[in-house]
Protein backbone atom coordinates (compact mmCIF):
# COMPACT_ATOMS: atom_id res chain seq x y z
CA MET A 1 103.16 118.99 64.66
CA THR A 2 104.05 115.44 65.72
CA PHE A 3 107.38 116.67 67.17
CA PHE A 4 105.75 119.36 69.30
CA THR A 5 103.09 116.94 70.54
CA LYS A 6 105.70 114.46 71.75
CA ARG A 7 107.76 117.24 73.29
CA SER A 8 104.74 118.63 75.11
CA LEU A 9 103.86 115.16 76.35
CA ALA A 10 107.42 114.61 77.58
CA LEU A 11 107.43 117.93 79.42
CA ALA A 12 104.08 117.18 81.01
CA LEU A 13 105.26 113.73 82.08
CA ALA A 14 108.47 115.18 83.53
CA GLY A 15 106.44 117.73 85.44
CA THR A 16 104.24 115.00 86.84
CA LEU A 17 107.25 112.97 87.97
CA ILE A 18 108.79 116.02 89.64
CA SER A 19 105.49 116.73 91.38
CA VAL A 20 105.24 113.13 92.63
CA ALA A 21 108.83 113.22 93.86
CA ALA A 22 108.18 116.50 95.64
CA HIS A 23 105.26 115.00 97.49
CA ALA A 24 106.88 111.65 98.31
CA THR A 25 107.88 111.67 101.96
CA THR A 26 110.72 109.80 103.65
CA LEU A 27 111.21 109.70 107.40
CA ASN A 28 114.69 108.91 108.75
CA ILE A 29 114.75 107.59 112.31
CA HIS A 30 117.76 106.98 114.53
CA ASN A 31 116.65 103.66 116.02
CA GLY A 32 119.54 102.66 118.30
CA GLY A 33 120.23 98.91 118.39
CA ASP A 34 120.39 96.41 115.55
CA PRO A 35 117.23 94.30 115.22
CA THR A 36 117.58 90.58 115.81
CA SER A 37 114.77 89.69 113.42
CA LEU A 38 111.64 90.99 111.71
CA ASP A 39 109.68 88.08 113.20
CA PRO A 40 107.59 89.61 116.04
CA GLN A 41 107.98 86.40 118.05
CA LYS A 42 111.78 86.56 117.90
CA VAL A 43 112.42 90.07 119.24
CA SER A 44 112.43 91.72 122.66
CA GLY A 45 113.70 95.32 122.44
CA ASP A 46 112.08 98.74 122.09
CA TRP A 47 114.24 99.38 119.00
CA GLU A 48 112.63 96.28 117.45
CA ASN A 49 109.17 97.25 118.66
CA ARG A 50 109.38 100.46 116.63
CA ILE A 51 109.86 98.43 113.46
CA GLU A 52 107.43 95.61 114.28
CA GLY A 53 104.64 98.04 115.17
CA SER A 54 105.00 99.68 111.78
CA ILE A 55 104.80 96.50 109.70
CA PHE A 56 102.31 94.46 111.76
CA GLU A 57 99.07 95.24 113.57
CA GLY A 58 97.18 93.25 116.20
CA LEU A 59 93.52 93.03 117.09
CA VAL A 60 94.02 96.14 119.21
CA THR A 61 96.46 98.93 118.43
CA GLU A 62 97.70 102.23 119.87
CA ASP A 63 96.37 105.72 119.33
CA PRO A 64 98.91 108.61 119.38
CA LYS A 65 98.74 108.69 123.19
CA ASP A 66 99.24 104.91 123.42
CA ASN A 67 95.65 104.19 124.42
CA PRO A 68 94.09 100.95 123.10
CA ILE A 69 91.87 101.37 120.04
CA PRO A 70 90.51 98.91 117.44
CA GLY A 71 93.17 97.62 115.07
CA GLN A 72 92.52 94.57 112.88
CA ALA A 73 89.38 94.02 114.95
CA GLU A 74 86.62 96.54 114.42
CA SER A 75 84.90 95.65 117.71
CA TRP A 76 84.78 93.17 120.57
CA THR A 77 82.59 91.98 123.40
CA ILE A 78 83.59 90.72 126.85
CA SER A 79 81.68 88.07 128.80
CA PRO A 80 80.19 89.05 132.18
CA ASP A 81 82.90 87.11 134.06
CA GLY A 82 85.64 88.92 132.10
CA LYS A 83 87.17 85.70 130.78
CA VAL A 84 85.93 85.47 127.18
CA TYR A 85 86.70 88.10 124.55
CA THR A 86 85.03 87.85 121.14
CA PHE A 87 86.59 89.93 118.35
CA LYS A 88 85.02 90.83 115.01
CA LEU A 89 87.63 91.45 112.33
CA ARG A 90 87.33 94.36 109.93
CA ASP A 91 86.01 93.79 106.42
CA GLY A 92 88.65 93.64 103.73
CA ILE A 93 91.80 93.47 105.87
CA LYS A 94 94.68 92.01 103.87
CA TRP A 95 98.25 90.88 104.03
CA SER A 96 100.66 92.85 101.88
CA ASP A 97 100.51 90.09 99.22
CA GLY A 98 96.75 90.58 98.86
CA GLN A 99 95.64 87.50 100.81
CA PRO A 100 92.93 88.12 103.43
CA VAL A 101 93.84 88.33 107.12
CA THR A 102 91.64 85.79 108.90
CA ALA A 103 90.89 84.72 112.45
CA GLY A 104 92.86 81.58 111.59
CA ASP A 105 96.01 83.68 111.18
CA PHE A 106 95.64 84.84 114.78
CA VAL A 107 95.06 81.28 116.00
CA PHE A 108 98.16 80.14 114.08
CA ALA A 109 100.26 83.00 115.55
CA PHE A 110 99.23 82.38 119.15
CA GLN A 111 99.82 78.63 118.81
CA ARG A 112 103.25 79.24 117.29
CA LEU A 113 104.05 81.73 120.07
CA MET A 114 103.33 79.10 122.71
CA ASP A 115 105.04 76.24 120.86
CA PRO A 116 108.16 75.39 122.91
CA LYS A 117 110.01 74.86 119.62
CA THR A 118 109.57 78.54 118.75
CA ALA A 119 111.50 79.49 121.91
CA ALA A 120 109.81 82.90 122.04
CA ASN A 121 111.37 84.82 124.93
CA TYR A 122 108.22 86.86 125.42
CA ALA A 123 105.64 84.06 125.28
CA TYR A 124 104.97 84.53 128.99
CA LEU A 125 103.38 87.92 128.34
CA GLN A 126 100.34 86.07 127.01
CA PHE A 127 100.16 83.39 129.72
CA THR A 128 96.83 84.87 130.83
CA ILE A 129 95.30 82.96 127.89
CA LYS A 130 93.79 79.60 128.86
CA ASN A 131 96.36 76.76 128.74
CA ALA A 132 99.05 79.03 127.25
CA GLU A 133 101.59 78.40 129.99
CA LYS A 134 100.98 74.64 130.04
CA ILE A 135 101.48 74.42 126.28
CA ASN A 136 104.61 76.56 126.42
CA LYS A 137 106.07 74.33 129.14
CA GLY A 138 105.22 71.15 127.23
CA GLU A 139 102.61 69.99 129.74
CA ILE A 140 99.92 70.07 127.02
CA THR A 141 100.89 68.99 123.50
CA ASP A 142 97.49 69.44 121.85
CA PHE A 143 97.65 73.05 120.66
CA SER A 144 93.91 73.08 120.00
CA GLN A 145 93.53 73.30 123.77
CA LEU A 146 94.86 76.87 123.67
CA GLY A 147 92.13 79.38 124.51
CA VAL A 148 92.23 81.02 121.06
CA LYS A 149 89.56 79.83 118.60
CA ALA A 150 88.42 80.91 115.15
CA ILE A 151 84.61 80.84 115.17
CA ASP A 152 84.72 81.76 111.49
CA ASP A 153 87.13 83.72 109.27
CA LYS A 154 86.03 87.03 110.79
CA THR A 155 85.38 86.03 114.42
CA LEU A 156 88.03 85.22 116.99
CA GLU A 157 87.33 84.06 120.53
CA ILE A 158 89.97 84.28 123.25
CA THR A 159 89.38 82.65 126.63
CA LEU A 160 91.48 83.62 129.65
CA ASN A 161 92.36 81.74 132.81
CA GLU A 162 91.02 84.59 134.90
CA SER A 163 89.59 88.05 134.37
CA THR A 164 92.61 90.19 133.42
CA PRO A 165 92.29 93.98 133.73
CA TYR A 166 95.14 94.75 131.31
CA PHE A 167 94.35 92.20 128.60
CA LEU A 168 93.39 94.68 125.88
CA SER A 169 96.65 96.53 126.47
CA ALA A 170 98.53 93.22 126.27
CA LEU A 171 96.98 92.66 122.85
CA MET A 172 98.76 95.78 121.58
CA HIS A 173 102.08 94.01 122.19
CA TYR A 174 103.89 92.42 119.27
CA THR A 175 103.49 88.95 120.81
CA ALA A 176 99.80 89.29 119.88
CA TYR A 177 100.36 90.14 116.20
CA PRO A 178 98.97 87.74 113.59
CA LEU A 179 101.29 85.83 111.27
CA PRO A 180 100.68 84.95 107.61
CA LYS A 181 100.06 81.23 107.99
CA HIS A 182 100.23 80.64 104.23
CA VAL A 183 103.72 82.14 104.02
CA VAL A 184 105.19 80.73 107.24
CA GLU A 185 104.08 77.22 106.30
CA ALA A 186 105.44 77.57 102.76
CA LYS A 187 108.78 79.19 103.59
CA GLY A 188 109.56 77.93 107.10
CA ASP A 189 112.14 80.04 108.94
CA ASP A 190 112.86 81.90 105.68
CA TRP A 191 109.40 83.47 105.74
CA VAL A 192 110.83 86.53 107.43
CA LYS A 193 113.46 87.31 104.76
CA ILE A 194 113.06 90.34 102.52
CA GLY A 195 111.35 89.10 99.40
CA ASN A 196 109.36 86.49 101.33
CA ILE A 197 107.90 88.41 104.27
CA VAL A 198 104.35 89.70 104.07
CA THR A 199 102.85 91.91 106.74
CA ASN A 200 99.49 93.40 107.69
CA GLY A 201 100.53 96.76 109.14
CA SER A 202 100.62 100.25 107.68
CA TYR A 203 104.08 99.55 106.20
CA LYS A 204 105.91 96.64 104.60
CA PRO A 205 109.69 96.04 104.74
CA THR A 206 111.67 96.34 101.50
CA GLU A 207 115.27 96.34 102.72
CA TRP A 208 117.22 95.16 105.76
CA VAL A 209 120.97 95.66 105.93
CA PRO A 210 122.11 94.24 109.30
CA GLY A 211 124.15 96.73 111.25
CA SER A 212 122.90 99.58 109.06
CA HIS A 213 119.16 100.03 108.53
CA VAL A 214 115.69 98.66 107.85
CA THR A 215 113.56 100.41 105.22
CA VAL A 216 109.77 100.09 105.07
CA VAL A 217 107.30 101.55 102.59
CA LYS A 218 103.64 102.38 102.92
CA SER A 219 101.33 99.41 102.30
CA ASP A 220 98.51 100.40 99.97
CA LEU A 221 96.59 97.33 101.16
CA TYR A 222 96.47 98.49 104.78
CA TRP A 223 92.87 99.11 105.84
CA ASP A 224 93.54 102.76 106.79
CA ALA A 225 96.13 103.50 104.07
CA LYS A 226 94.34 106.67 102.99
CA ASN A 227 95.26 108.29 106.30
CA VAL A 228 98.91 107.18 106.32
CA LYS A 229 100.89 110.26 105.26
CA ILE A 230 104.53 109.14 105.15
CA ASP A 231 105.58 106.99 102.19
CA THR A 232 108.94 105.57 103.29
CA VAL A 233 110.63 105.11 106.67
CA THR A 234 114.23 104.11 107.29
CA PHE A 235 115.17 102.90 110.77
CA PHE A 236 118.91 103.43 111.21
CA THR A 237 121.05 101.30 113.51
CA LEU A 238 123.40 103.58 115.47
CA GLU A 239 124.32 103.19 119.13
CA ASP A 240 126.67 106.20 119.24
CA GLN A 241 124.32 108.89 120.51
CA ALA A 242 126.77 111.74 120.04
CA ALA A 243 127.17 110.76 116.39
CA ALA A 244 123.38 110.50 116.04
CA LEU A 245 122.93 114.03 117.37
CA LYS A 246 125.49 115.35 114.87
CA ARG A 247 123.65 113.64 112.05
CA TYR A 248 120.35 115.09 113.28
CA ARG A 249 121.85 118.59 113.27
CA ALA A 250 123.10 117.93 109.74
CA GLY A 251 119.56 117.06 108.65
CA GLU A 252 120.22 113.34 108.14
CA PHE A 253 117.78 112.21 110.85
CA ASP A 254 114.26 113.48 111.53
CA ILE A 255 113.82 111.72 114.88
CA LEU A 256 116.31 110.56 117.51
CA THR A 257 115.04 107.90 119.89
CA GLU A 258 117.75 108.77 122.45
CA PHE A 259 120.36 111.49 122.99
CA PRO A 260 123.39 112.09 125.25
CA ALA A 261 121.96 113.39 128.51
CA ASP A 262 124.87 115.80 128.98
CA GLN A 263 123.69 117.68 125.86
CA TYR A 264 120.24 118.43 127.25
CA GLU A 265 120.93 121.94 128.51
CA TRP A 266 122.65 122.86 125.23
CA MET A 267 119.72 121.47 123.26
CA LYS A 268 117.15 123.43 125.26
CA THR A 269 118.93 126.61 124.18
CA ASN A 270 120.03 125.71 120.67
CA LEU A 271 117.27 123.31 119.56
CA PRO A 272 114.28 124.79 121.42
CA GLY A 273 111.26 122.52 121.63
CA GLN A 274 112.97 119.63 119.86
CA ALA A 275 114.28 117.64 122.83
CA HIS A 276 111.48 115.66 124.50
CA VAL A 277 112.14 114.47 128.08
CA VAL A 278 109.06 112.74 129.46
CA PRO A 279 108.44 110.48 132.51
CA PHE A 280 107.31 107.07 131.43
CA LEU A 281 106.79 103.52 132.64
CA GLY A 282 110.32 102.24 132.63
CA THR A 283 113.02 101.19 135.06
CA TYR A 284 116.82 101.25 134.89
CA TYR A 285 118.52 98.67 137.06
CA TYR A 286 121.48 96.35 137.53
CA VAL A 287 121.10 92.60 137.76
CA VAL A 288 123.42 90.53 139.96
CA ASN A 289 124.00 86.87 139.16
CA ALA A 290 122.38 85.27 142.20
CA THR A 291 123.53 81.80 141.15
CA LYS A 292 127.23 82.65 141.31
CA PRO A 293 129.32 83.22 144.47
CA PRO A 294 129.68 85.69 146.06
CA PHE A 295 126.54 87.23 144.54
CA ASN A 296 124.38 84.42 145.82
CA ASP A 297 124.93 86.02 149.25
CA LYS A 298 122.14 88.49 149.98
CA ARG A 299 124.53 90.63 152.05
CA VAL A 300 126.72 91.27 149.00
CA ARG A 301 123.76 92.19 146.80
CA GLN A 302 122.32 94.51 149.46
CA ALA A 303 125.67 96.21 150.11
CA LEU A 304 126.10 96.98 146.41
CA SER A 305 122.56 98.34 146.22
CA MET A 306 122.84 100.50 149.35
CA ALA A 307 126.07 102.12 148.15
CA VAL A 308 124.50 103.47 144.95
CA ASN A 309 123.85 107.19 145.43
CA ARG A 310 120.70 107.34 143.34
CA GLU A 311 119.96 110.96 144.21
CA VAL A 312 122.87 112.27 142.13
CA ILE A 313 122.37 110.15 139.00
CA GLY A 314 119.37 111.95 137.50
CA PRO A 315 120.24 115.59 138.26
CA LYS A 316 124.05 115.48 138.10
CA ILE A 317 125.35 112.51 136.11
CA LEU A 318 122.61 112.53 133.46
CA GLY A 319 121.09 115.96 133.91
CA THR A 320 117.66 114.99 132.63
CA GLY A 321 115.84 114.57 135.94
CA GLU A 322 115.51 110.80 136.35
CA LEU A 323 114.04 109.98 139.76
CA PRO A 324 115.84 107.65 142.22
CA MET A 325 114.33 104.17 142.28
CA TYR A 326 113.78 102.31 145.57
CA SER A 327 110.88 100.09 144.47
CA TRP A 328 110.60 97.51 141.71
CA VAL A 329 107.27 98.68 140.30
CA PRO A 330 107.21 102.38 139.28
CA PRO A 331 104.85 104.71 141.16
CA GLY A 332 101.76 105.49 139.12
CA THR A 333 101.45 102.03 137.62
CA ALA A 334 97.80 101.13 137.01
CA ASN A 335 95.91 98.70 139.24
CA TYR A 336 98.46 99.02 142.05
CA GLY A 337 98.67 102.16 144.15
CA GLU A 338 101.83 102.97 146.08
CA PRO A 339 104.57 100.36 145.49
CA ALA A 340 106.71 98.66 148.13
CA TYR A 341 110.13 100.16 148.94
CA VAL A 342 113.47 98.97 150.32
CA SER A 343 113.57 99.37 154.10
CA TRP A 344 116.61 101.68 153.97
CA LYS A 345 115.15 104.11 151.41
CA ASP A 346 115.13 107.19 153.68
CA GLU A 347 118.47 106.71 155.44
CA PRO A 348 121.15 109.37 154.82
CA TYR A 349 123.58 108.27 152.13
CA GLY A 350 126.54 108.23 154.53
CA GLN A 351 124.67 105.83 156.80
CA LYS A 352 123.84 103.58 153.84
CA VAL A 353 127.54 103.38 152.91
CA GLU A 354 128.58 102.47 156.46
CA GLU A 355 125.97 99.73 156.63
CA ALA A 356 127.09 98.49 153.22
CA LYS A 357 130.68 98.22 154.46
CA LYS A 358 129.52 96.17 157.47
CA LEU A 359 127.53 93.82 155.24
CA LEU A 360 130.52 93.23 152.96
CA LYS A 361 132.79 92.69 155.94
CA GLU A 362 130.39 90.07 157.28
CA ALA A 363 130.50 88.42 153.84
CA GLY A 364 134.31 88.34 153.97
CA PHE A 365 135.22 91.38 151.89
CA GLY A 366 137.00 94.65 152.60
CA PRO A 367 140.09 96.69 151.69
CA ASP A 368 142.42 93.75 152.43
CA HIS A 369 140.21 91.31 150.53
CA PRO A 370 138.47 93.32 147.80
CA LEU A 371 135.41 92.11 145.98
CA LYS A 372 136.35 91.98 142.30
CA ALA A 373 133.58 91.93 139.71
CA GLN A 374 132.80 92.72 136.11
CA LEU A 375 130.08 95.28 135.40
CA ARG A 376 128.79 94.94 131.88
CA TYR A 377 126.60 97.35 129.92
CA ASN A 378 125.47 97.79 126.33
CA THR A 379 127.35 100.43 124.37
CA ASN A 380 125.80 103.81 125.07
CA ASP A 381 127.25 107.11 126.32
CA ASN A 382 124.75 107.37 129.18
CA HIS A 383 125.25 103.77 130.33
CA LYS A 384 129.00 104.33 130.33
CA ARG A 385 128.72 107.44 132.50
CA ILE A 386 126.44 105.68 134.98
CA ALA A 387 128.64 102.58 135.16
CA ALA A 388 131.76 104.66 135.82
CA ALA A 389 129.97 106.67 138.51
CA ILE A 390 128.60 103.59 140.29
CA ALA A 391 131.99 101.87 140.15
CA SER A 392 133.43 104.90 141.95
CA MET A 393 130.62 104.74 144.54
CA TRP A 394 131.52 101.11 145.24
CA LYS A 395 135.25 101.77 145.52
CA PRO A 396 135.15 102.97 149.19
CA LEU A 397 133.59 99.58 150.04
CA GLY A 398 136.69 97.82 148.74
CA VAL A 399 134.97 96.78 145.51
CA GLU A 400 137.09 96.69 142.36
CA ILE A 401 135.07 96.87 139.16
CA GLU A 402 136.05 96.01 135.61
CA LEU A 403 133.82 97.83 133.10
CA TYR A 404 132.88 95.82 130.03
CA ASN A 405 130.64 96.87 127.16
CA THR A 406 129.26 95.24 124.02
CA GLU A 407 126.68 96.16 121.40
CA THR A 408 123.08 95.82 122.51
CA LYS A 409 122.27 92.57 120.70
CA VAL A 410 125.33 90.78 122.11
CA HIS A 411 124.83 92.25 125.59
CA TYR A 412 121.32 90.89 126.07
CA ASP A 413 122.04 87.59 124.36
CA GLU A 414 124.93 86.90 126.71
CA MET A 415 122.99 87.98 129.80
CA GLN A 416 120.12 85.67 128.87
CA ARG A 417 122.66 82.85 128.77
CA GLY A 418 123.84 83.72 132.28
CA LYS A 419 127.13 85.26 131.18
CA VAL A 420 127.04 88.07 133.72
CA GLU A 421 128.23 89.00 137.21
CA ILE A 422 126.72 92.48 137.41
CA GLY A 423 124.88 93.79 134.37
CA ARG A 424 122.94 96.80 133.24
CA ALA A 425 119.32 96.25 132.22
CA GLY A 426 116.28 98.36 131.54
CA TRP A 427 112.60 97.63 131.23
CA LEU A 428 109.97 99.61 129.36
CA ALA A 429 106.46 98.50 130.22
CA ASP A 430 104.72 96.37 127.60
CA TYR A 431 101.42 97.27 129.25
CA ASN A 432 100.43 99.35 132.24
CA ASP A 433 100.16 96.80 135.04
CA PRO A 434 102.45 95.77 137.92
CA ILE A 435 102.72 92.16 136.75
CA ASN A 436 104.71 93.34 133.74
CA PHE A 437 107.51 94.46 136.08
CA LEU A 438 107.11 91.75 138.73
CA ASN A 439 107.41 88.97 136.15
CA LEU A 440 111.00 90.05 135.51
CA LEU A 441 111.99 88.32 138.75
CA SER A 442 109.95 85.17 138.19
CA THR A 443 111.77 81.85 138.10
CA GLY A 444 112.52 80.68 134.57
CA VAL A 445 111.70 83.94 132.75
CA ASP A 446 114.37 84.70 130.13
CA MET A 447 114.48 88.37 131.14
CA ASN A 448 115.36 87.37 134.72
CA TYR A 449 119.03 87.88 133.84
CA GLY A 450 120.26 87.53 137.44
CA ARG A 451 118.55 84.13 137.84
CA TRP A 452 117.23 85.16 141.26
CA SER A 453 114.62 82.61 142.32
CA ASN A 454 112.22 82.42 145.24
CA PRO A 455 109.31 79.93 145.42
CA GLN A 456 107.31 82.17 147.76
CA TYR A 457 107.65 85.07 145.31
CA ASP A 458 106.48 82.88 142.41
CA ALA A 459 103.53 81.62 144.46
CA LEU A 460 102.43 85.15 145.36
CA LEU A 461 102.49 86.20 141.70
CA LYS A 462 100.51 83.15 140.70
CA LYS A 463 97.93 83.75 143.44
CA GLY A 464 97.70 87.45 142.60
CA SER A 465 97.24 86.75 138.89
CA ALA A 466 94.28 84.50 139.72
CA GLU A 467 92.66 87.11 142.00
CA THR A 468 89.75 88.98 140.42
CA ASP A 469 89.42 91.56 143.21
CA LEU A 470 91.82 94.31 142.13
CA LYS A 471 92.50 95.45 145.70
CA LYS A 472 93.38 91.94 146.90
CA ARG A 473 95.39 91.39 143.71
CA ALA A 474 97.45 94.52 144.41
CA GLU A 475 98.05 93.43 148.01
CA LEU A 476 99.42 90.05 146.93
CA PHE A 477 101.64 91.64 144.31
CA LYS A 478 102.94 94.14 146.87
CA GLN A 479 103.85 91.31 149.23
CA ALA A 480 105.85 89.76 146.41
CA GLU A 481 107.53 93.07 145.60
CA GLN A 482 108.51 93.59 149.24
CA LEU A 483 109.94 90.08 149.42
CA ALA A 484 112.14 90.70 146.36
CA LEU A 485 113.31 94.08 147.68
CA ASP A 486 114.13 92.65 151.11
CA ASP A 487 116.22 89.96 149.43
CA SER A 488 117.97 92.46 147.10
CA ALA A 489 116.92 90.43 144.07
CA ALA A 490 118.33 93.16 141.84
CA ILE A 491 119.65 96.73 142.14
CA PRO A 492 117.02 99.33 141.17
CA ILE A 493 118.66 102.60 140.09
CA TYR A 494 116.20 105.06 138.57
CA TYR A 495 112.80 105.43 136.97
CA TYR A 496 113.17 106.23 133.32
CA VAL A 497 112.36 109.34 131.45
CA SER A 498 112.15 108.98 127.69
CA ARG A 499 114.65 111.11 125.77
CA SER A 500 113.96 111.84 122.12
CA VAL A 501 114.54 114.58 119.60
CA VAL A 502 111.88 115.42 117.04
CA SER A 503 112.30 117.72 114.07
CA PRO A 504 109.93 120.70 114.03
CA LYS A 505 108.94 119.50 110.55
CA ILE A 506 107.13 116.50 112.11
CA ALA A 507 103.45 116.63 113.09
CA GLY A 508 101.49 114.10 115.13
CA TYR A 509 104.22 113.13 117.62
CA GLU A 510 102.49 112.85 121.00
CA ASP A 511 104.46 112.32 124.23
CA ASN A 512 103.11 109.37 126.23
CA VAL A 513 104.04 107.27 129.26
CA GLN A 514 105.21 104.28 127.19
CA ASP A 515 107.14 106.23 124.56
CA ILE A 516 105.37 104.51 121.65
CA HIS A 517 104.89 106.55 118.50
CA ARG A 518 103.49 104.61 115.56
CA ILE A 519 104.48 106.07 112.20
CA ARG A 520 100.91 105.94 110.84
CA TRP A 521 100.07 108.93 113.05
CA LEU A 522 103.01 111.08 111.90
CA SER A 523 103.29 113.46 108.97
CA PHE A 524 105.47 116.25 107.65
CA LYS A 525 104.14 119.76 108.13
CA GLN A 526 103.38 121.56 104.92
């Protein structure tokens, strides 16, 4: 009798384990580039955003359509002048080690973000906060002067310089995530290592193999854990899109965050409904090092820009319908209206090329004295195709291009350090407002890879940011945009479409204009 009882118990236990295993869910995501860090103040890419937004959560977070909804804050009020936001934190919110998330953790995070010693590339995104810019530039050393105050453990007050129409959207960005003060102070820079890191999002990281993957598991201490359906997520580093598509077809990946554009037509036929191509707030452009001869000559920059045949890139080179870009701010951006455009936008392409040749000749270049330059891009099939095509467009001007590619992390690191002549860049909006694009050309901003600088441009942005009348604000920003376009500050190429592939097994994936899809909203269909 004892033998059969034990055997029955063993069989029942085995059945339970099999049942649990059958219901455990793992999502495998092709994530593109290799993350620089898991510290939300040390990253800058969309591939890192996908991870950070899974393991951390700010006061405000995204719904499936990327609209702002309450996150760690359950509610907030805004003062009549639009400058003071008061947030009430949810009851019972915790870090993954069980410690409570407090208003003090947000104060600590914002002060660390603005600390010049942190050297956070993205600190400027939160310069709308009172005294943030002055602290970041070392003009104020008393961090208590930052406009972020803990009224008590559950109440946070944020004071802005001026009323800011996009501020709630800016709080969804990872620069506004809280940090575990108790861990950062105890561990220093090592706080972010696996085994030390604690997070407050719907997932917590358990493994990071640089160059390979980051694995996160569901956090049972997350305030909405009962509605999080996927147990484990692995974000795979892989910049070879053709290889990623093969692995998707083999069932190794459930979601691709990019795919080779030349496979789109094949996918529409052979993987119906799985390829998602959606217009979104993003720009693809080339920067030109305006501090280095001959690129400090506006005529050279304009000639290179005019000779790019943008109309063929989306439909013919990529095949996914990207629209030609002649502005700096994408059409449809909130609080803006119609953007400014380059003056030569509507000229026939042949006329643009002839004018480009004249400009280069005036600058001292031509077939007998070719302009030689290096065009660098981060490793990616689509970037390679575009770079080769644009190099061929420049050839009739007497421009000789050397193509140079590196992995994403190296590419952007070197460009930030000014190691570039002509370089590929892209920008996906952090929030839906023109200033998010216009700031890319501001003096001193790390993402201003071409180092173009214009005091009048900077002054217009500063004046516009202080303007509370949205119409006047837009007018000032448009003046700045026109100034940058007239000076060929950079080479706009096309407005992005997001390209992703989603398994039909996945539910809850909603296309949106910022291509943000938090894992907490996803599930596997039964």
